[in-house]
C-alpha cells in the first residue's frame, strides 16, 4: 500500500470517528454525513505547535482524533491554562469563532496531535444547505458553556484537593500526557501544591 492509500485510509477512519461523535449530539443522515466529510480537512500538529495565536480570529473548529490541545491566556503576567482538549472532543476559541473577534487565548498542541478541521466558511456553507448544522453548532456552544460553568463552580465550591481528585476521576490519563506546570495552572494552584497532592495520593 502506498502513502496516498495510507493517507486516504487514515482520513476515512478519522471521519468515521468524527461522525460517531457527532451522532451522539445530532443524528445525521447519509447526505449530511457526506456533506460534512467534503468540507473537513485532516491536519496534524507537532508538540508545541501553535494552532491559534492570541489576537487572531479563530477560523476553525478542531475535532481531536489523537493527542492533546491546550488553550492558554495571560493574567497578571502569568500564563493560565484555560482548558485541555482530548480525543473525541472539539476545540476552538468559541467567542472568537462565533463573533469574529480577536481571540484572548492561544491554542497549542501539548503532544503530537491529529485533528479534523472545519472552517468557519465551511460551517456557514453547511448551514445554508441544511438547518441541522445550525442546531449542531448550538449544541456545541451549549457543551462549551456547560464546561465553563462547571469549571467556575469547581473553583467556588471545591478545595484544591477536591478539584484535583475530580479531574483525575474524569480524565485519569491527563497526568501521563500533560506537563505538571500546565496541570497546576489549570487547577489554579502552584506546582509545589500539586506535587504534594500527587505524593499523598500515591501513598494512599
C-alpha atoms as a PDB file:
ATOM      1  CA  UNK A   1       0.000   0.000   0.000  1.00  0.00           C
ATOM      2  CA  UNK A   2       1.469   3.384  -0.994  1.00  0.00           C
ATOM      3  CA  UNK A   3       1.479   6.594   1.009  1.00  0.00           C
ATOM      4  CA  UNK A   4      -1.544   8.001  -0.817  1.00  0.00           C
ATOM      5  CA  UNK A   5      -3.601   4.907   0.032  1.00  0.00           C
ATOM      6  CA  UNK A   6      -2.427   5.062   3.647  1.00  0.00           C
ATOM      7  CA  UNK A   7      -3.437   8.718   3.911  1.00  0.00           C
ATOM      8  CA  UNK A   8      -6.844   8.046   2.351  1.00  0.00           C
ATOM      9  CA  UNK A   9      -7.463   5.136   4.710  1.00  0.00           C
ATOM     10  CA  UNK A  10      -6.473   7.236   7.740  1.00  0.00           C
ATOM     11  CA  UNK A  11      -8.732  10.087   6.669  1.00  0.00           C
ATOM     12  CA  UNK A  12     -11.699   7.730   6.370  1.00  0.00           C
ATOM     13  CA  UNK A  13     -11.030   6.349   9.867  1.00  0.00           C
ATOM     14  CA  UNK A  14     -10.831   9.875  11.268  1.00  0.00           C
ATOM     15  CA  UNK A  15     -14.053  10.865   9.510  1.00  0.00           C
ATOM     16  CA  UNK A  16     -15.850   7.840  10.952  1.00  0.00           C
ATOM     17  CA  UNK A  17     -14.578   8.788  14.414  1.00  0.00           C
ATOM     18  CA  UNK A  18     -15.933  12.317  13.930  1.00  0.00           C
ATOM     19  CA  UNK A  19     -19.301  11.068  12.669  1.00  0.00           C
ATOM     20  CA  UNK A  20     -19.689   8.698  15.627  1.00  0.00           C
ATOM     21  CA  UNK A  21     -19.118  11.624  17.984  1.00  0.00           C
ATOM     22  CA  UNK A  22     -21.476  13.965  16.157  1.00  0.00           C
ATOM     23  CA  UNK A  23     -24.214  11.345  16.057  1.00  0.00           C
ATOM     24  CA  UNK A  24     -24.204  11.469  19.862  1.00  0.00           C
ATOM     25  CA  UNK A  25     -25.320  15.095  19.524  1.00  0.00           C
ATOM     26  CA  UNK A  26     -27.457  15.093  16.372  1.00  0.00           C
ATOM     27  CA  UNK A  27     -28.346  12.144  14.165  1.00  0.00           C
ATOM     28  CA  UNK A  28     -27.033  12.796  10.662  1.00  0.00           C
ATOM     29  CA  UNK A  29     -28.370  11.114   7.561  1.00  0.00           C
ATOM     30  CA  UNK A  30     -26.131   9.797   4.774  1.00  0.00           C
ATOM     31  CA  UNK A  31     -26.290  13.006   2.736  1.00  0.00           C
ATOM     32  CA  UNK A  32     -25.471  15.183   5.738  1.00  0.00           C
ATOM     33  CA  UNK A  33     -22.526  12.970   6.608  1.00  0.00           C
ATOM     34  CA  UNK A  34     -21.238  13.166   3.057  1.00  0.00           C
ATOM     35  CA  UNK A  35     -21.598  16.958   3.003  1.00  0.00           C
ATOM     36  CA  UNK A  36     -19.612  17.256   6.223  1.00  0.00           C
ATOM     37  CA  UNK A  37     -16.821  14.982   5.023  1.00  0.00           C
ATOM     38  CA  UNK A  38     -16.486  17.094   1.885  1.00  0.00           C
ATOM     39  CA  UNK A  39     -15.534  20.219   3.882  1.00  0.00           C
ATOM     40  CA  UNK A  40     -13.486  18.923   6.837  1.00  0.00           C
ATOM     41  CA  UNK A  41      -9.719  18.733   6.451  1.00  0.00           C
ATOM     42  CA  UNK A  42      -7.173  16.498   8.147  1.00  0.00           C
ATOM     43  CA  UNK A  43      -4.461  18.466   9.939  1.00  0.00           C
ATOM     44  CA  UNK A  44      -1.548  17.225  12.037  1.00  0.00           C
ATOM     45  CA  UNK A  45       0.436  19.273  14.545  1.00  0.00           C
ATOM     46  CA  UNK A  46       3.710  18.581  16.300  1.00  0.00           C
ATOM     47  CA  UNK A  47       4.205  19.028  20.029  1.00  0.00           C
ATOM     48  CA  UNK A  48       4.320  22.733  20.887  1.00  0.00           C
ATOM     49  CA  UNK A  49       2.947  23.903  17.538  1.00  0.00           C
ATOM     50  CA  UNK A  50       0.508  26.823  17.655  1.00  0.00           C
ATOM     51  CA  UNK A  51      -2.944  26.351  16.126  1.00  0.00           C
ATOM     52  CA  UNK A  52      -4.257  29.801  17.070  1.00  0.00           C
ATOM     53  CA  UNK A  53      -2.247  32.851  18.093  1.00  0.00           C
ATOM     54  CA  UNK A  54      -3.538  35.301  20.663  1.00  0.00           C
ATOM     55  CA  UNK A  55      -5.091  38.265  18.854  1.00  0.00           C
ATOM     56  CA  UNK A  56      -6.024  36.261  15.766  1.00  0.00           C
ATOM     57  CA  UNK A  57      -9.622  35.467  14.845  1.00  0.00           C
ATOM     58  CA  UNK A  58     -10.487  31.804  15.281  1.00  0.00           C
ATOM     59  CA  UNK A  59     -11.340  30.441  11.846  1.00  0.00           C
ATOM     60  CA  UNK A  60     -11.622  26.721  12.610  1.00  0.00           C
ATOM     61  CA  UNK A  61     -13.231  24.207  14.920  1.00  0.00           C
ATOM     62  CA  UNK A  62     -10.904  21.284  15.586  1.00  0.00           C
ATOM     63  CA  UNK A  63     -12.007  17.745  16.327  1.00  0.00           C
ATOM     64  CA  UNK A  64      -9.170  15.955  18.091  1.00  0.00           C
ATOM     65  CA  UNK A  65      -8.600  12.485  16.681  1.00  0.00           C
ATOM     66  CA  UNK A  66      -5.477  11.777  18.722  1.00  0.00           C
ATOM     67  CA  UNK A  67      -3.322  13.882  21.039  1.00  0.00           C
ATOM     68  CA  UNK A  68      -3.958  16.825  23.363  1.00  0.00           C
ATOM     69  CA  UNK A  69      -4.592  20.521  22.730  1.00  0.00           C
ATOM     70  CA  UNK A  70      -4.317  23.333  25.282  1.00  0.00           C
ATOM     71  CA  UNK A  71      -5.810  26.808  25.457  1.00  0.00           C
ATOM     72  CA  UNK A  72      -3.986  29.458  27.499  1.00  0.00           C
ATOM     73  CA  UNK A  73      -4.271  33.158  28.278  1.00  0.00           C
ATOM     74  CA  UNK A  74      -2.247  35.720  30.225  1.00  0.00           C
ATOM     75  CA  UNK A  75      -3.311  37.182  33.583  1.00  0.00           C
ATOM     76  CA  UNK A  76      -1.150  39.334  35.856  1.00  0.00           C
ATOM     77  CA  UNK A  77       1.886  38.474  33.786  1.00  0.00           C
ATOM     78  CA  UNK A  78       1.340  34.736  34.137  1.00  0.00           C
ATOM     79  CA  UNK A  79       0.214  32.169  31.587  1.00  0.00           C
ATOM     80  CA  UNK A  80      -3.009  30.483  32.679  1.00  0.00           C
ATOM     81  CA  UNK A  81      -4.325  27.221  31.230  1.00  0.00           C
ATOM     82  CA  UNK A  82      -7.997  27.554  30.337  1.00  0.00           C
ATOM     83  CA  UNK A  83      -8.696  24.038  29.104  1.00  0.00           C
ATOM     84  CA  UNK A  84      -7.335  20.850  27.607  1.00  0.00           C
ATOM     85  CA  UNK A  85      -8.909  19.020  24.689  1.00  0.00           C
ATOM     86  CA  UNK A  86      -8.531  15.246  24.370  1.00  0.00           C
ATOM     87  CA  UNK A  87      -9.572  12.814  21.605  1.00  0.00           C
ATOM     88  CA  UNK A  88     -13.245  12.799  20.583  1.00  0.00           C
ATOM     89  CA  UNK A  89     -13.728  16.396  21.717  1.00  0.00           C
ATOM     90  CA  UNK A  90     -13.959  19.741  19.932  1.00  0.00           C
ATOM     91  CA  UNK A  91     -11.716  22.764  20.365  1.00  0.00           C
ATOM     92  CA  UNK A  92     -11.725  26.370  19.278  1.00  0.00           C
ATOM     93  CA  UNK A  93     -11.780  29.845  20.810  1.00  0.00           C
ATOM     94  CA  UNK A  94     -15.577  29.898  20.759  1.00  0.00           C
ATOM     95  CA  UNK A  95     -16.208  33.600  21.398  1.00  0.00           C
ATOM     96  CA  UNK A  96     -13.732  34.482  18.676  1.00  0.00           C
ATOM     97  CA  UNK A  97     -15.112  31.870  16.282  1.00  0.00           C
ATOM     98  CA  UNK A  98     -18.755  32.862  16.725  1.00  0.00           C
ATOM     99  CA  UNK A  99     -18.430  36.639  16.998  1.00  0.00           C
ATOM    100  CA  UNK A 100     -15.435  37.030  14.639  1.00  0.00           C
ATOM    101  CA  UNK A 101     -13.392  38.896  17.263  1.00  0.00           C
ATOM    102  CA  UNK A 102      -9.669  38.593  18.133  1.00  0.00           C
ATOM    103  CA  UNK A 103      -9.015  35.710  20.499  1.00  0.00           C
ATOM    104  CA  UNK A 104      -7.780  36.375  24.028  1.00  0.00           C
ATOM    105  CA  UNK A 105      -6.339  32.860  24.113  1.00  0.00           C
ATOM    106  CA  UNK A 106      -3.810  30.891  22.146  1.00  0.00           C
ATOM    107  CA  UNK A 107      -4.284  27.213  21.315  1.00  0.00           C
ATOM    108  CA  UNK A 108      -1.305  24.871  21.034  1.00  0.00           C
ATOM    109  CA  UNK A 109      -0.553  21.160  20.764  1.00  0.00           C
ATOM    110  CA  UNK A 110       0.600  19.633  24.064  1.00  0.00           C
ATOM    111  CA  UNK A 111       1.549  16.440  22.222  1.00  0.00           C
ATOM    112  CA  UNK A 112       1.769  15.453  18.572  1.00  0.00           C
ATOM    113  CA  UNK A 113      -1.870  15.809  17.596  1.00  0.00           C
ATOM    114  CA  UNK A 114      -4.098  14.703  14.739  1.00  0.00           C
ATOM    115  CA  UNK A 115      -7.258  16.683  14.011  1.00  0.00           C
ATOM    116  CA  UNK A 116     -10.085  17.190  11.598  1.00  0.00           C
ATOM    117  CA  UNK A 117     -10.748  20.864  10.949  1.00  0.00           C
ATOM    118  CA  UNK A 118     -13.999  22.575   9.989  1.00  0.00           C
ATOM    119  CA  UNK A 119     -13.562  26.182   8.887  1.00  0.00           C
ATOM    120  CA  UNK A 120     -15.987  28.993   9.695  1.00  0.00           C
ATOM    121  CA  UNK A 121     -16.635  29.311   5.956  1.00  0.00           C
ATOM    122  CA  UNK A 122     -17.293  25.570   5.719  1.00  0.00           C
ATOM    123  CA  UNK A 123     -19.763  25.714   8.611  1.00  0.00           C
ATOM    124  CA  UNK A 124     -21.598  28.634   7.003  1.00  0.00           C
ATOM    125  CA  UNK A 125     -21.756  26.690   3.757  1.00  0.00           C
ATOM    126  CA  UNK A 126     -23.256  23.675   5.508  1.00  0.00           C
ATOM    127  CA  UNK A 127     -25.717  25.833   7.478  1.00  0.00           C
ATOM    128  CA  UNK A 128     -27.058  27.366   4.270  1.00  0.00           C
ATOM    129  CA  UNK A 129     -27.717  23.886   2.909  1.00  0.00           C
ATOM    130  CA  UNK A 130     -29.367  22.340   5.957  1.00  0.00           C
ATOM    131  CA  UNK A 131     -30.615  23.737   9.327  1.00  0.00           C
ATOM    132  CA  UNK A 132     -29.282  20.644  11.131  1.00  0.00           C
ATOM    133  CA  UNK A 133     -25.851  22.325  11.203  1.00  0.00           C
ATOM    134  CA  UNK A 134     -27.281  25.362  12.985  1.00  0.00           C
ATOM    135  CA  UNK A 135     -28.709  23.011  15.601  1.00  0.00           C
ATOM    136  CA  UNK A 136     -25.411  21.168  15.894  1.00  0.00           C
ATOM    137  CA  UNK A 137     -23.467  24.403  16.306  1.00  0.00           C
ATOM    138  CA  UNK A 138     -25.872  25.424  19.067  1.00  0.00           C
ATOM    139  CA  UNK A 139     -25.335  22.118  20.848  1.00  0.00           C
ATOM    140  CA  UNK A 140     -21.553  22.544  20.653  1.00  0.00           C
ATOM    141  CA  UNK A 141     -21.866  26.022  22.142  1.00  0.00           C
ATOM    142  CA  UNK A 142     -24.074  24.671  24.939  1.00  0.00           C
ATOM    143  CA  UNK A 143     -21.460  21.999  25.618  1.00  0.00           C
ATOM    144  CA  UNK A 144     -18.734  24.655  25.770  1.00  0.00           C
ATOM    145  CA  UNK A 145     -20.705  26.916  28.115  1.00  0.00           C
ATOM    146  CA  UNK A 146     -21.606  24.000  30.393  1.00  0.00           C
ATOM    147  CA  UNK A 147     -17.931  23.102  30.739  1.00  0.00           C
ATOM    148  CA  UNK A 148     -17.084  26.719  31.544  1.00  0.00           C
ATOM    149  CA  UNK A 149     -19.834  26.860  34.169  1.00  0.00           C
ATOM    150  CA  UNK A 150     -18.657  23.604  35.751  1.00  0.00           C
ATOM    151  CA  UNK A 151     -15.124  24.988  35.920  1.00  0.00           C
ATOM    152  CA  UNK A 152     -16.229  28.232  37.583  1.00  0.00           C
ATOM    153  CA  UNK A 153     -18.359  26.336  40.097  1.00  0.00           C
ATOM    154  CA  UNK A 154     -15.477  23.997  40.951  1.00  0.00           C
ATOM    155  CA  UNK A 155     -13.329  26.983  41.950  1.00  0.00           C
ATOM    156  CA  UNK A 156     -16.156  28.388  44.040  1.00  0.00           C
ATOM    157  CA  UNK A 157     -17.140  25.223  45.876  1.00  0.00           C
ATOM    158  CA  UNK A 158     -14.179  22.798  45.882  1.00  0.00           C
ATOM    159  CA  UNK A 159     -10.834  22.735  47.633  1.00  0.00           C
ATOM    160  CA  UNK A 160      -7.617  22.291  45.648  1.00  0.00           C
ATOM    161  CA  UNK A 161      -7.582  18.592  46.569  1.00  0.00           C
ATOM    162  CA  UNK A 162     -11.213  18.145  45.522  1.00  0.00           C
ATOM    163  CA  UNK A 163     -10.561  19.795  42.156  1.00  0.00           C
ATOM    164  CA  UNK A 164      -7.558  17.519  41.630  1.00  0.00           C
ATOM    165  CA  UNK A 165      -9.495  14.383  42.568  1.00  0.00           C
ATOM    166  CA  UNK A 166     -12.428  15.357  40.340  1.00  0.00           C
ATOM    167  CA  UNK A 167     -10.119  15.971  37.396  1.00  0.00           C
ATOM    168  CA  UNK A 168      -8.446  12.564  37.735  1.00  0.00           C
ATOM    169  CA  UNK A 169     -11.833  10.885  38.073  1.00  0.00           C
ATOM    170  CA  UNK A 170     -12.999  12.382  34.772  1.00  0.00           C
ATOM    171  CA  UNK A 171      -9.652  12.280  32.917  1.00  0.00           C
ATOM    172  CA  UNK A 172      -7.388   9.622  34.501  1.00  0.00           C
ATOM    173  CA  UNK A 173      -4.934   9.816  31.584  1.00  0.00           C
ATOM    174  CA  UNK A 174      -4.185  13.502  32.000  1.00  0.00           C
ATOM    175  CA  UNK A 175      -1.142  13.189  34.300  1.00  0.00           C
ATOM    176  CA  UNK A 176       0.659  10.999  31.789  1.00  0.00           C
ATOM    177  CA  UNK A 177       0.070  13.408  28.900  1.00  0.00           C
ATOM    178  CA  UNK A 178       0.195  16.911  30.358  1.00  0.00           C
ATOM    179  CA  UNK A 179       3.232  18.639  31.950  1.00  0.00           C
ATOM    180  CA  UNK A 180       2.951  19.350  35.670  1.00  0.00           C
ATOM    181  CA  UNK A 181       3.098  23.129  35.197  1.00  0.00           C
ATOM    182  CA  UNK A 182       0.181  23.145  32.752  1.00  0.00           C
ATOM    183  CA  UNK A 183      -1.857  20.922  35.042  1.00  0.00           C
ATOM    184  CA  UNK A 184      -1.170  23.060  38.124  1.00  0.00           C
ATOM    185  CA  UNK A 185      -2.167  26.192  36.207  1.00  0.00           C
ATOM    186  CA  UNK A 186      -5.406  24.577  35.077  1.00  0.00           C
ATOM    187  CA  UNK A 187      -6.238  23.600  38.659  1.00  0.00           C
ATOM    188  CA  UNK A 188      -5.398  27.046  39.996  1.00  0.00           C
ATOM    189  CA  UNK A 189      -2.547  26.002  42.276  1.00  0.00           C
ATOM    190  CA  UNK A 190       1.244  26.109  42.426  1.00  0.00           C
ATOM    191  CA  UNK A 191       3.362  23.239  41.138  1.00  0.00           C
ATOM    192  CA  UNK A 192       4.541  22.659  44.719  1.00  0.00           C
ATOM    193  CA  UNK A 193       0.956  22.215  45.938  1.00  0.00           C
ATOM    194  CA  UNK A 194       0.157  19.853  43.102  1.00  0.00           C
ATOM    195  CA  UNK A 195       3.338  17.852  43.778  1.00  0.00           C
ATOM    196  CA  UNK A 196       2.308  17.420  47.416  1.00  0.00           C
ATOM    197  CA  UNK A 197      -1.182  16.300  46.438  1.00  0.00           C
ATOM    198  CA  UNK A 198       0.255  13.792  43.951  1.00  0.00           C
ATOM    199  CA  UNK A 199       2.648  12.432  46.575  1.00  0.00           C
ATOM    200  CA  UNK A 200      -0.177  11.978  49.109  1.00  0.00           C
ATOM    201  CA  UNK A 201      -2.352  10.289  46.509  1.00  0.00           C
ATOM    202  CA  UNK A 202       0.409   7.828  45.602  1.00  0.00           C
ATOM    203  CA  UNK A 203       0.868   6.911  49.271  1.00  0.00           C
ATOM    204  CA  UNK A 204      -2.820   6.121  49.542  1.00  0.00           C
END
